[in-house]
Amino acid sequence: MTDSMSRKHIDLLDFRELPAPVYFRYADFDTHEYAAAHRHPWGTLEYSSSGVLHMEIGSSRFMSPPQYAVWVPPHTEHSFYSNQPINYRAVCLAPSLCRELPQQACTLAISDILKAILKDFAARDVKIPEQDADVRLAQVLVDQLQQAPEHACYLPYASSPGLLGILEALQAEPGDNRPLAEWAAQIHVSERTLARQFVRELGMSFGEWRLRLRFLAAIEALGSARSIQEIAFDLGYSSGSAFIAMFQRQAECTPEQYRRSHLDGRKV
């Protein structure tokens, strides 16, 4: 591997089948750790309790903040990459428990109950629920997963070259404030045509996609020593208060609260 000095391979579970119908995995991954494309006979809920989860599933890219998790059905090829240090959590489910879950990879909204169970099990390093109380909690967790609101992808990507070029340019520079009209002129279409293309291919408007991108970028930036004001300006906001308002709407906490609760907890 030519980039082995900068990237570290993550060990995969070496089971032929799961040792229990519900199996939990916890890990603290550093920057630039990855799992190469692989598949297994069980389904997996992949979740980051802090940081942004980056995955490729088939030909789709998934980036999910801590309010969401990525569901990978059995026998589905997927890979994983840590763009920053993250608290990784995985719930592995036997095929029989996957029948009531989506048959395609998707993003699932994570309820407070589900978060609390994952946090409790991780704190006690419960990999296989064996105590009666833990078995009941695992059943609640599976029930919560089966009821979780489904999203195709938190930050979807396009297939058409023109739109994909715009998305990649924005991802490289999330603070780029150019309006939709300028992006449309760049690929020689009308603003109205490009607006329709966003909704048709991504299921959301240009403004919503850029807002989600900036929220993900903010989560990653909060892992650095930069001030809230510096992060706000880097992400194209004219003031720290505008950035804080955006973040609070998305995360239901301020950037400083997120930094304290998620990142300080990671050091424990």
C-alpha atoms as a PDB file:
ATOM      1  CA  MET A   1       0.000   0.000   0.000  1.00  0.00           C
ATOM      2  CA  THR A   2       1.633   3.199  -1.171  1.00  0.00           C
ATOM      3  CA  ASP A   3       0.007   5.490   1.396  1.00  0.00           C
ATOM      4  CA  SER A   4       0.453   3.195   4.404  1.00  0.00           C
ATOM      5  CA  MET A   5       2.480   5.879   6.201  1.00  0.00           C
ATOM      6  CA  SER A   6      -0.501   8.268   6.223  1.00  0.00           C
ATOM      7  CA  ARG A   7      -3.422   5.840   6.409  1.00  0.00           C
ATOM      8  CA  LYS A   8      -4.039   3.037   8.865  1.00  0.00           C
ATOM      9  CA  HIS A   9      -6.187   0.014   8.069  1.00  0.00           C
ATOM     10  CA  ILE A  10      -8.969  -0.847  10.537  1.00  0.00           C
ATOM     11  CA  ASP A  11      -9.265  -4.481  11.572  1.00  0.00           C
ATOM     12  CA  LEU A  12     -12.572  -5.994  10.497  1.00  0.00           C
ATOM     13  CA  LEU A  13     -14.625  -8.457  12.515  1.00  0.00           C
ATOM     14  CA  ASP A  14     -13.343 -11.924  11.613  1.00  0.00           C
ATOM     15  CA  PHE A  15     -16.561 -13.846  12.312  1.00  0.00           C
ATOM     16  CA  ARG A  16     -18.147 -16.138   9.753  1.00  0.00           C
ATOM     17  CA  GLU A  17     -21.368 -15.398  11.587  1.00  0.00           C
ATOM     18  CA  LEU A  18     -22.210 -13.249  14.574  1.00  0.00           C
ATOM     19  CA  PRO A  19     -21.678 -14.770  18.044  1.00  0.00           C
ATOM     20  CA  ALA A  20     -25.102 -13.398  19.064  1.00  0.00           C
ATOM     21  CA  PRO A  21     -28.178 -12.045  17.211  1.00  0.00           C
ATOM     22  CA  VAL A  22     -27.215  -8.514  18.316  1.00  0.00           C
ATOM     23  CA  TYR A  23     -23.519  -7.692  18.593  1.00  0.00           C
ATOM     24  CA  PHE A  24     -21.994  -4.309  19.429  1.00  0.00           C
ATOM     25  CA  ARG A  25     -18.638  -2.885  18.424  1.00  0.00           C
ATOM     26  CA  TYR A  26     -16.972   0.263  19.798  1.00  0.00           C
ATOM     27  CA  ALA A  27     -13.774   1.969  18.732  1.00  0.00           C
ATOM     28  CA  ASP A  28     -12.042   5.336  18.836  1.00  0.00           C
ATOM     29  CA  PHE A  29     -10.625   5.891  15.376  1.00  0.00           C
ATOM     30  CA  ASP A  30      -7.938   8.467  14.703  1.00  0.00           C
ATOM     31  CA  THR A  31      -7.595  10.609  11.604  1.00  0.00           C
ATOM     32  CA  HIS A  32      -6.976   8.722   8.336  1.00  0.00           C
ATOM     33  CA  GLU A  33      -8.053   5.265   9.498  1.00  0.00           C
ATOM     34  CA  TYR A  34      -9.990   3.202   6.979  1.00  0.00           C
ATOM     35  CA  ALA A  35     -11.641  -0.117   6.221  1.00  0.00           C
ATOM     36  CA  ALA A  36     -11.328  -1.310   2.634  1.00  0.00           C
ATOM     37  CA  ALA A  37     -14.441  -2.388   0.725  1.00  0.00           C
ATOM     38  CA  HIS A  38     -15.941  -5.529   2.261  1.00  0.00           C
ATOM     39  CA  ARG A  39     -19.261  -7.261   2.886  1.00  0.00           C
ATOM     40  CA  HIS A  40     -20.660  -9.699   5.456  1.00  0.00           C
ATOM     41  CA  PRO A  41     -23.829 -11.752   5.962  1.00  0.00           C
ATOM     42  CA  TRP A  42     -25.198  -9.565   8.778  1.00  0.00           C
ATOM     43  CA  GLY A  43     -26.596  -6.033   8.729  1.00  0.00           C
ATOM     44  CA  THR A  44     -24.807  -3.166  10.452  1.00  0.00           C
ATOM     45  CA  LEU A  45     -25.839   0.170  11.864  1.00  0.00           C
ATOM     46  CA  GLU A  46     -22.757   2.390  11.609  1.00  0.00           C
ATOM     47  CA  TYR A  47     -22.758   5.417  13.900  1.00  0.00           C
ATOM     48  CA  SER A  48     -20.398   8.135  15.112  1.00  0.00           C
ATOM     49  CA  SER A  49     -21.267   9.643  18.490  1.00  0.00           C
ATOM     50  CA  SER A  50     -18.864  12.500  17.715  1.00  0.00           C
ATOM     51  CA  GLY A  51     -17.452  13.548  14.378  1.00  0.00           C
ATOM     52  CA  VAL A  52     -18.719  12.873  10.866  1.00  0.00           C
ATOM     53  CA  LEU A  53     -19.022   9.331   9.541  1.00  0.00           C
ATOM     54  CA  HIS A  54     -17.668   8.919   5.978  1.00  0.00           C
ATOM     55  CA  MET A  55     -18.688   5.788   4.063  1.00  0.00           C
ATOM     56  CA  GLU A  56     -18.944   4.493   0.527  1.00  0.00           C
ATOM     57  CA  ILE A  57     -21.677   1.941  -0.087  1.00  0.00           C
ATOM     58  CA  GLY A  58     -21.815   0.639  -3.634  1.00  0.00           C
ATOM     59  CA  SER A  59     -21.479   3.742  -5.797  1.00  0.00           C
ATOM     60  CA  SER A  60     -22.942   6.080  -3.151  1.00  0.00           C
ATOM     61  CA  ARG A  61     -21.109   8.268  -0.634  1.00  0.00           C
ATOM     62  CA  PHE A  62     -22.547   8.721   2.849  1.00  0.00           C
ATOM     63  CA  MET A  63     -21.576  11.454   5.309  1.00  0.00           C
ATOM     64  CA  SER A  64     -23.563  11.478   8.541  1.00  0.00           C
ATOM     65  CA  PRO A  65     -23.447  13.691  11.642  1.00  0.00           C
ATOM     66  CA  PRO A  66     -24.105  12.316  15.149  1.00  0.00           C
ATOM     67  CA  GLN A  67     -27.894  12.705  14.855  1.00  0.00           C
ATOM     68  CA  TYR A  68     -27.912  10.084  12.112  1.00  0.00           C
ATOM     69  CA  ALA A  69     -26.501   6.630  11.458  1.00  0.00           C
ATOM     70  CA  VAL A  70     -25.885   4.676   8.258  1.00  0.00           C
ATOM     71  CA  TRP A  71     -27.714   1.391   7.790  1.00  0.00           C
ATOM     72  CA  VAL A  72     -25.860  -1.255   5.752  1.00  0.00           C
ATOM     73  CA  PRO A  73     -28.047  -4.288   4.883  1.00  0.00           C
ATOM     74  CA  PRO A  74     -26.575  -7.826   4.838  1.00  0.00           C
ATOM     75  CA  HIS A  75     -24.277  -8.721   1.911  1.00  0.00           C
ATOM     76  CA  THR A  76     -23.856  -5.057   0.914  1.00  0.00           C
ATOM     77  CA  GLU A  77     -20.342  -3.930  -0.024  1.00  0.00           C
ATOM     78  CA  HIS A  78     -19.153  -0.901   1.951  1.00  0.00           C
ATOM     79  CA  SER A  79     -15.999   0.906   3.031  1.00  0.00           C
ATOM     80  CA  PHE A  80     -15.232   3.416   5.752  1.00  0.00           C
ATOM     81  CA  TYR A  81     -12.842   6.328   6.253  1.00  0.00           C
ATOM     82  CA  SER A  82     -12.188   8.605   9.236  1.00  0.00           C
ATOM     83  CA  ASN A  83     -11.539  12.156   8.104  1.00  0.00           C
ATOM     84  CA  GLN A  84     -10.990  13.145  11.753  1.00  0.00           C
ATOM     85  CA  PRO A  85     -10.965  11.340  15.131  1.00  0.00           C
ATOM     86  CA  ILE A  86     -14.403   9.806  15.777  1.00  0.00           C
ATOM     87  CA  ASN A  87     -16.175   7.726  18.413  1.00  0.00           C
ATOM     88  CA  TYR A  88     -17.328   4.794  16.296  1.00  0.00           C
ATOM     89  CA  ARG A  89     -20.280   2.610  17.292  1.00  0.00           C
ATOM     90  CA  ALA A  90     -21.666  -0.339  15.338  1.00  0.00           C
ATOM     91  CA  VAL A  91     -24.706  -2.513  15.937  1.00  0.00           C
ATOM     92  CA  CYS A  92     -24.470  -5.791  14.035  1.00  0.00           C
ATOM     93  CA  LEU A  93     -27.761  -7.629  13.484  1.00  0.00           C
ATOM     94  CA  ALA A  94     -28.345 -11.233  12.443  1.00  0.00           C
ATOM     95  CA  PRO A  95     -30.140 -11.558   9.072  1.00  0.00           C
ATOM     96  CA  SER A  96     -33.385 -12.607  10.776  1.00  0.00           C
ATOM     97  CA  LEU A  97     -33.523  -9.239  12.565  1.00  0.00           C
ATOM     98  CA  CYS A  98     -32.929  -7.301   9.344  1.00  0.00           C
ATOM     99  CA  ARG A  99     -36.202  -8.243   7.641  1.00  0.00           C
ATOM    100  CA  GLU A 100     -38.074  -5.273   9.113  1.00  0.00           C
ATOM    101  CA  LEU A 101     -35.265  -2.863   8.246  1.00  0.00           C
ATOM    102  CA  PRO A 102     -34.599  -1.149   4.879  1.00  0.00           C
ATOM    103  CA  GLN A 103     -33.331  -3.416   2.127  1.00  0.00           C
ATOM    104  CA  GLN A 104     -31.161  -0.645   0.675  1.00  0.00           C
ATOM    105  CA  ALA A 105     -28.376   1.306   2.383  1.00  0.00           C
ATOM    106  CA  CYS A 106     -29.728   4.518   3.851  1.00  0.00           C
ATOM    107  CA  THR A 107     -29.421   7.068   6.635  1.00  0.00           C
ATOM    108  CA  LEU A 108     -31.540   6.557   9.754  1.00  0.00           C
ATOM    109  CA  ALA A 109     -32.408   9.295  12.246  1.00  0.00           C
ATOM    110  CA  ILE A 110     -31.222   8.273  15.713  1.00  0.00           C
ATOM    111  CA  SER A 111     -33.664   8.741  18.599  1.00  0.00           C
ATOM    112  CA  ASP A 112     -32.594   9.926  22.031  1.00  0.00           C
ATOM    113  CA  ILE A 113     -33.501   6.489  23.429  1.00  0.00           C
ATOM    114  CA  LEU A 114     -31.275   4.759  20.906  1.00  0.00           C
ATOM    115  CA  LYS A 115     -28.409   7.173  21.612  1.00  0.00           C
ATOM    116  CA  ALA A 116     -28.765   6.571  25.358  1.00  0.00           C
ATOM    117  CA  ILE A 117     -28.656   2.776  24.968  1.00  0.00           C
ATOM    118  CA  LEU A 118     -25.584   2.967  22.722  1.00  0.00           C
ATOM    119  CA  LYS A 119     -23.875   5.321  25.168  1.00  0.00           C
ATOM    120  CA  ASP A 120     -24.662   3.060  28.138  1.00  0.00           C
ATOM    121  CA  PHE A 121     -23.511  -0.126  26.380  1.00  0.00           C
ATOM    122  CA  ALA A 122     -20.317   1.576  25.175  1.00  0.00           C
ATOM    123  CA  ALA A 123     -19.530   2.868  28.683  1.00  0.00           C
ATOM    124  CA  ARG A 124     -19.898  -0.687  30.051  1.00  0.00           C
ATOM    125  CA  ASP A 125     -18.292  -2.309  26.965  1.00  0.00           C
ATOM    126  CA  VAL A 126     -21.300  -4.549  26.386  1.00  0.00           C
ATOM    127  CA  LYS A 127     -20.585  -6.395  23.145  1.00  0.00           C
ATOM    128  CA  ILE A 128     -23.075  -9.249  23.668  1.00  0.00           C
ATOM    129  CA  PRO A 129     -26.133  -8.505  25.850  1.00  0.00           C
ATOM    130  CA  GLU A 130     -26.242 -11.299  28.424  1.00  0.00           C
ATOM    131  CA  GLN A 131     -27.845  -9.840  31.568  1.00  0.00           C
ATOM    132  CA  ASP A 132     -31.651  -9.850  31.425  1.00  0.00           C
ATOM    133  CA  ALA A 133     -31.777  -6.046  31.619  1.00  0.00           C
ATOM    134  CA  ASP A 134     -29.301  -5.709  28.740  1.00  0.00           C
ATOM    135  CA  VAL A 135     -31.230  -8.216  26.622  1.00  0.00           C
ATOM    136  CA  ARG A 136     -34.357  -6.085  27.120  1.00  0.00           C
ATOM    137  CA  LEU A 137     -32.452  -2.915  26.229  1.00  0.00           C
ATOM    138  CA  ALA A 138     -31.128  -4.576  23.059  1.00  0.00           C
ATOM    139  CA  GLN A 139     -34.711  -5.457  22.103  1.00  0.00           C
ATOM    140  CA  VAL A 140     -35.757  -1.832  22.640  1.00  0.00           C
ATOM    141  CA  LEU A 141     -32.832  -0.762  20.457  1.00  0.00           C
ATOM    142  CA  VAL A 142     -33.924  -3.085  17.632  1.00  0.00           C
ATOM    143  CA  ASP A 143     -37.505  -1.803  17.958  1.00  0.00           C
ATOM    144  CA  GLN A 144     -36.233   1.777  17.774  1.00  0.00           C
ATOM    145  CA  LEU A 145     -34.221   0.987  14.659  1.00  0.00           C
ATOM    146  CA  GLN A 146     -37.241  -0.544  12.950  1.00  0.00           C
ATOM    147  CA  GLN A 147     -39.200   2.662  13.634  1.00  0.00           C
ATOM    148  CA  ALA A 148     -36.380   5.109  12.811  1.00  0.00           C
ATOM    149  CA  PRO A 149     -37.198   7.700  10.121  1.00  0.00           C
ATOM    150  CA  GLU A 150     -35.400   6.770   6.918  1.00  0.00           C
ATOM    151  CA  HIS A 151     -33.428   9.190   4.744  1.00  0.00           C
ATOM    152  CA  ALA A 152     -31.798   8.294   1.445  1.00  0.00           C
ATOM    153  CA  CYS A 153     -28.594  10.104   2.464  1.00  0.00           C
ATOM    154  CA  TYR A 154     -27.889  13.102   4.687  1.00  0.00           C
ATOM    155  CA  LEU A 155     -25.669  14.715   2.027  1.00  0.00           C
ATOM    156  CA  PRO A 156     -26.499  13.102  -1.345  1.00  0.00           C
ATOM    157  CA  TYR A 157     -24.264  13.314  -4.404  1.00  0.00           C
ATOM    158  CA  ALA A 158     -25.117  13.798  -8.051  1.00  0.00           C
ATOM    159  CA  SER A 159     -24.344  11.619 -11.038  1.00  0.00           C
ATOM    160  CA  SER A 160     -24.483  14.251 -13.801  1.00  0.00           C
ATOM    161  CA  PRO A 161     -21.030  15.794 -14.475  1.00  0.00           C
ATOM    162  CA  GLY A 162     -22.108  19.454 -14.294  1.00  0.00           C
ATOM    163  CA  LEU A 163     -23.853  19.156 -10.953  1.00  0.00           C
ATOM    164  CA  LEU A 164     -21.181  16.852  -9.533  1.00  0.00           C
ATOM    165  CA  GLY A 165     -18.523  19.439 -10.394  1.00  0.00           C
ATOM    166  CA  ILE A 166     -20.419  22.080  -8.412  1.00  0.00           C
ATOM    167  CA  LEU A 167     -20.812  19.787  -5.399  1.00  0.00           C
ATOM    168  CA  GLU A 168     -17.127  18.870  -5.402  1.00  0.00           C
ATOM    169  CA  ALA A 169     -16.122  22.547  -5.652  1.00  0.00           C
ATOM    170  CA  LEU A 170     -18.358  23.377  -2.687  1.00  0.00           C
ATOM    171  CA  GLN A 171     -17.023  20.462  -0.670  1.00  0.00           C
ATOM    172  CA  ALA A 172     -13.486  21.692  -1.297  1.00  0.00           C
ATOM    173  CA  GLU A 173     -14.515  25.191  -0.164  1.00  0.00           C
ATOM    174  CA  PRO A 174     -17.695  25.085   1.981  1.00  0.00           C
ATOM    175  CA  GLY A 175     -17.370  28.820   2.669  1.00  0.00           C
ATOM    176  CA  ASP A 176     -17.867  29.701  -1.016  1.00  0.00           C
ATOM    177  CA  ASN A 177     -20.811  32.126  -0.993  1.00  0.00           C
ATOM    178  CA  ARG A 178     -21.387  32.357  -4.728  1.00  0.00           C
ATOM    179  CA  PRO A 179     -25.147  32.378  -5.473  1.00  0.00           C
ATOM    180  CA  LEU A 180     -26.884  29.728  -7.544  1.00  0.00           C
ATOM    181  CA  ALA A 181     -26.952  32.041 -10.575  1.00  0.00           C
ATOM    182  CA  GLU A 182     -23.140  32.125 -10.739  1.00  0.00           C
ATOM    183  CA  TRP A 183     -22.874  28.350 -10.496  1.00  0.00           C
ATOM    184  CA  ALA A 184     -25.484  28.020 -13.242  1.00  0.00           C
ATOM    185  CA  ALA A 185     -23.520  30.356 -15.519  1.00  0.00           C
ATOM    186  CA  GLN A 186     -20.398  28.279 -14.890  1.00  0.00           C
ATOM    187  CA  ILE A 187     -22.033  25.161 -16.387  1.00  0.00           C
ATOM    188  CA  HIS A 188     -23.975  27.140 -19.035  1.00  0.00           C
ATOM    189  CA  VAL A 189     -27.524  26.562 -17.824  1.00  0.00           C
ATOM    190  CA  SER A 190     -30.150  28.920 -16.418  1.00  0.00           C
ATOM    191  CA  GLU A 191     -30.513  29.434 -12.680  1.00  0.00           C
ATOM    192  CA  ARG A 192     -33.999  27.946 -12.861  1.00  0.00           C
ATOM    193  CA  THR A 193     -32.733  24.832 -14.664  1.00  0.00           C
ATOM    194  CA  LEU A 194     -29.989  24.281 -12.085  1.00  0.00           C
ATOM    195  CA  ALA A 195     -32.455  24.788  -9.205  1.00  0.00           C
ATOM    196  CA  ARG A 196     -34.714  22.093 -10.684  1.00  0.00           C
ATOM    197  CA  GLN A 197     -31.718  19.808 -11.187  1.00  0.00           C
ATOM    198  CA  PHE A 198     -30.788  20.060  -7.504  1.00  0.00           C
ATOM    199  CA  VAL A 199     -34.289  19.025  -6.437  1.00  0.00           C
ATOM    200  CA  ARG A 200     -34.578  16.289  -9.070  1.00  0.00           C
ATOM    201  CA  GLU A 201     -31.182  14.648  -8.462  1.00  0.00           C
ATOM    202  CA  LEU A 202     -30.594  15.396  -4.772  1.00  0.00           C
ATOM    203  CA  GLY A 203     -34.097  15.739  -3.376  1.00  0.00           C
ATOM    204  CA  MET A 204     -33.325  19.162  -1.889  1.00  0.00           C
ATOM    205  CA  SER A 205     -32.578  22.744  -2.873  1.00  0.00           C
ATOM    206  CA  PHE A 206     -29.139  24.245  -3.477  1.00  0.00           C
ATOM    207  CA  GLY A 207     -29.459  26.202  -0.221  1.00  0.00           C
ATOM    208  CA  GLU A 208     -30.355  23.116   1.826  1.00  0.00           C
ATOM    209  CA  TRP A 209     -27.480  21.072   0.361  1.00  0.00           C
ATOM    210  CA  ARG A 210     -24.962  23.821   1.091  1.00  0.00           C
ATOM    211  CA  LEU A 211     -26.322  24.266   4.620  1.00  0.00           C
ATOM    212  CA  ARG A 212     -25.919  20.526   5.334  1.00  0.00           C
ATOM    213  CA  LEU A 213     -22.396  20.588   3.908  1.00  0.00           C
ATOM    214  CA  ARG A 214     -21.492  23.506   6.171  1.00  0.00           C
ATOM    215  CA  PHE A 215     -22.959  21.750   9.194  1.00  0.00           C
ATOM    216  CA  LEU A 216     -20.819  18.657   8.522  1.00  0.00           C
ATOM    217  CA  ALA A 217     -17.772  20.873   7.950  1.00  0.00           C
ATOM    218  CA  ALA A 218     -18.530  22.670  11.237  1.00  0.00           C
ATOM    219  CA  ILE A 219     -18.593  19.392  13.177  1.00  0.00           C
ATOM    220  CA  GLU A 220     -15.181  18.490  11.798  1.00  0.00           C
ATOM    221  CA  ALA A 221     -13.804  21.999  12.392  1.00  0.00           C
ATOM    222  CA  LEU A 222     -14.933  21.916  16.027  1.00  0.00           C
ATOM    223  CA  GLY A 223     -12.398  19.154  16.577  1.00  0.00           C
ATOM    224  CA  SER A 224      -9.635  21.721  15.985  1.00  0.00           C
ATOM    225  CA  ALA A 225      -8.364  24.500  18.238  1.00  0.00           C
ATOM    226  CA  ARG A 226      -9.893  27.214  16.039  1.00  0.00           C
ATOM    227  CA  SER A 227     -12.280  29.669  17.672  1.00  0.00           C
ATOM    228  CA  ILE A 228     -16.010  29.669  16.900  1.00  0.00           C
ATOM    229  CA  GLN A 229     -15.543  33.025  15.140  1.00  0.00           C
ATOM    230  CA  GLU A 230     -12.766  31.668  12.906  1.00  0.00           C
ATOM    231  CA  ILE A 231     -14.839  28.624  11.973  1.00  0.00           C
ATOM    232  CA  ALA A 232     -17.823  30.878  11.193  1.00  0.00           C
ATOM    233  CA  PHE A 233     -15.785  33.026   8.788  1.00  0.00           C
ATOM    234  CA  ASP A 234     -14.142  29.969   7.183  1.00  0.00           C
ATOM    235  CA  LEU A 235     -17.622  28.587   6.439  1.00  0.00           C
ATOM    236  CA  GLY A 236     -18.816  31.776   4.786  1.00  0.00           C
ATOM    237  CA  TYR A 237     -20.813  33.325   7.628  1.00  0.00           C
ATOM    238  CA  SER A 238     -20.606  37.094   8.107  1.00  0.00           C
ATOM    239  CA  SER A 239     -20.854  36.798  11.882  1.00  0.00           C
ATOM    240  CA  GLY A 240     -20.344  34.288  14.649  1.00  0.00           C
ATOM    241  CA  SER A 241     -23.983  34.689  15.726  1.00  0.00           C
ATOM    242  CA  ALA A 242     -25.305  33.654  12.284  1.00  0.00           C
ATOM    243  CA  PHE A 243     -23.125  30.536  12.371  1.00  0.00           C
ATOM    244  CA  ILE A 244     -24.193  29.693  15.942  1.00  0.00           C
ATOM    245  CA  ALA A 245     -27.878  30.054  14.968  1.00  0.00           C
ATOM    246  CA  MET A 246     -27.424  27.666  12.006  1.00  0.00           C
ATOM    247  CA  PHE A 247     -25.570  25.108  14.110  1.00  0.00           C
ATOM    248  CA  GLN A 248     -28.124  25.266  16.915  1.00  0.00           C
ATOM    249  CA  ARG A 249     -30.994  24.635  14.483  1.00  0.00           C
ATOM    250  CA  GLN A 250     -29.215  21.559  13.117  1.00  0.00           C
ATOM    251  CA  ALA A 251     -27.709  20.090  16.309  1.00  0.00           C
ATOM    252  CA  GLU A 252     -30.077  21.423  19.003  1.00  0.00           C
ATOM    253  CA  CYS A 253     -27.055  22.741  20.879  1.00  0.00           C
ATOM    254  CA  THR A 254     -24.547  25.547  20.360  1.00  0.00           C
ATOM    255  CA  PRO A 255     -21.135  24.875  18.780  1.00  0.00           C
ATOM    256  CA  GLU A 256     -19.483  25.405  22.172  1.00  0.00           C
ATOM    257  CA  GLN A 257     -21.878  22.964  23.853  1.00  0.00           C
ATOM    258  CA  TYR A 258     -21.188  20.420  21.116  1.00  0.00           C
ATOM    259  CA  ARG A 259     -17.448  20.903  21.523  1.00  0.00           C
ATOM    260  CA  ARG A 260     -17.661  20.351  25.293  1.00  0.00           C
ATOM    261  CA  SER A 261     -20.065  17.409  25.323  1.00  0.00           C
ATOM    262  CA  HIS A 262     -18.723  15.481  22.334  1.00  0.00           C
ATOM    263  CA  LEU A 263     -15.047  16.277  22.184  1.00  0.00           C
ATOM    264  CA  ASP A 264     -14.296  16.479  25.892  1.00  0.00           C
ATOM    265  CA  GLY A 265     -16.144  13.195  26.326  1.00  0.00           C
ATOM    266  CA  ARG A 266     -13.865  11.643  23.739  1.00  0.00           C
ATOM    267  CA  LYS A 267     -10.835  12.255  25.965  1.00  0.00           C
ATOM    268  CA  VAL A 268     -12.331  10.359  28.935  1.00  0.00           C
END
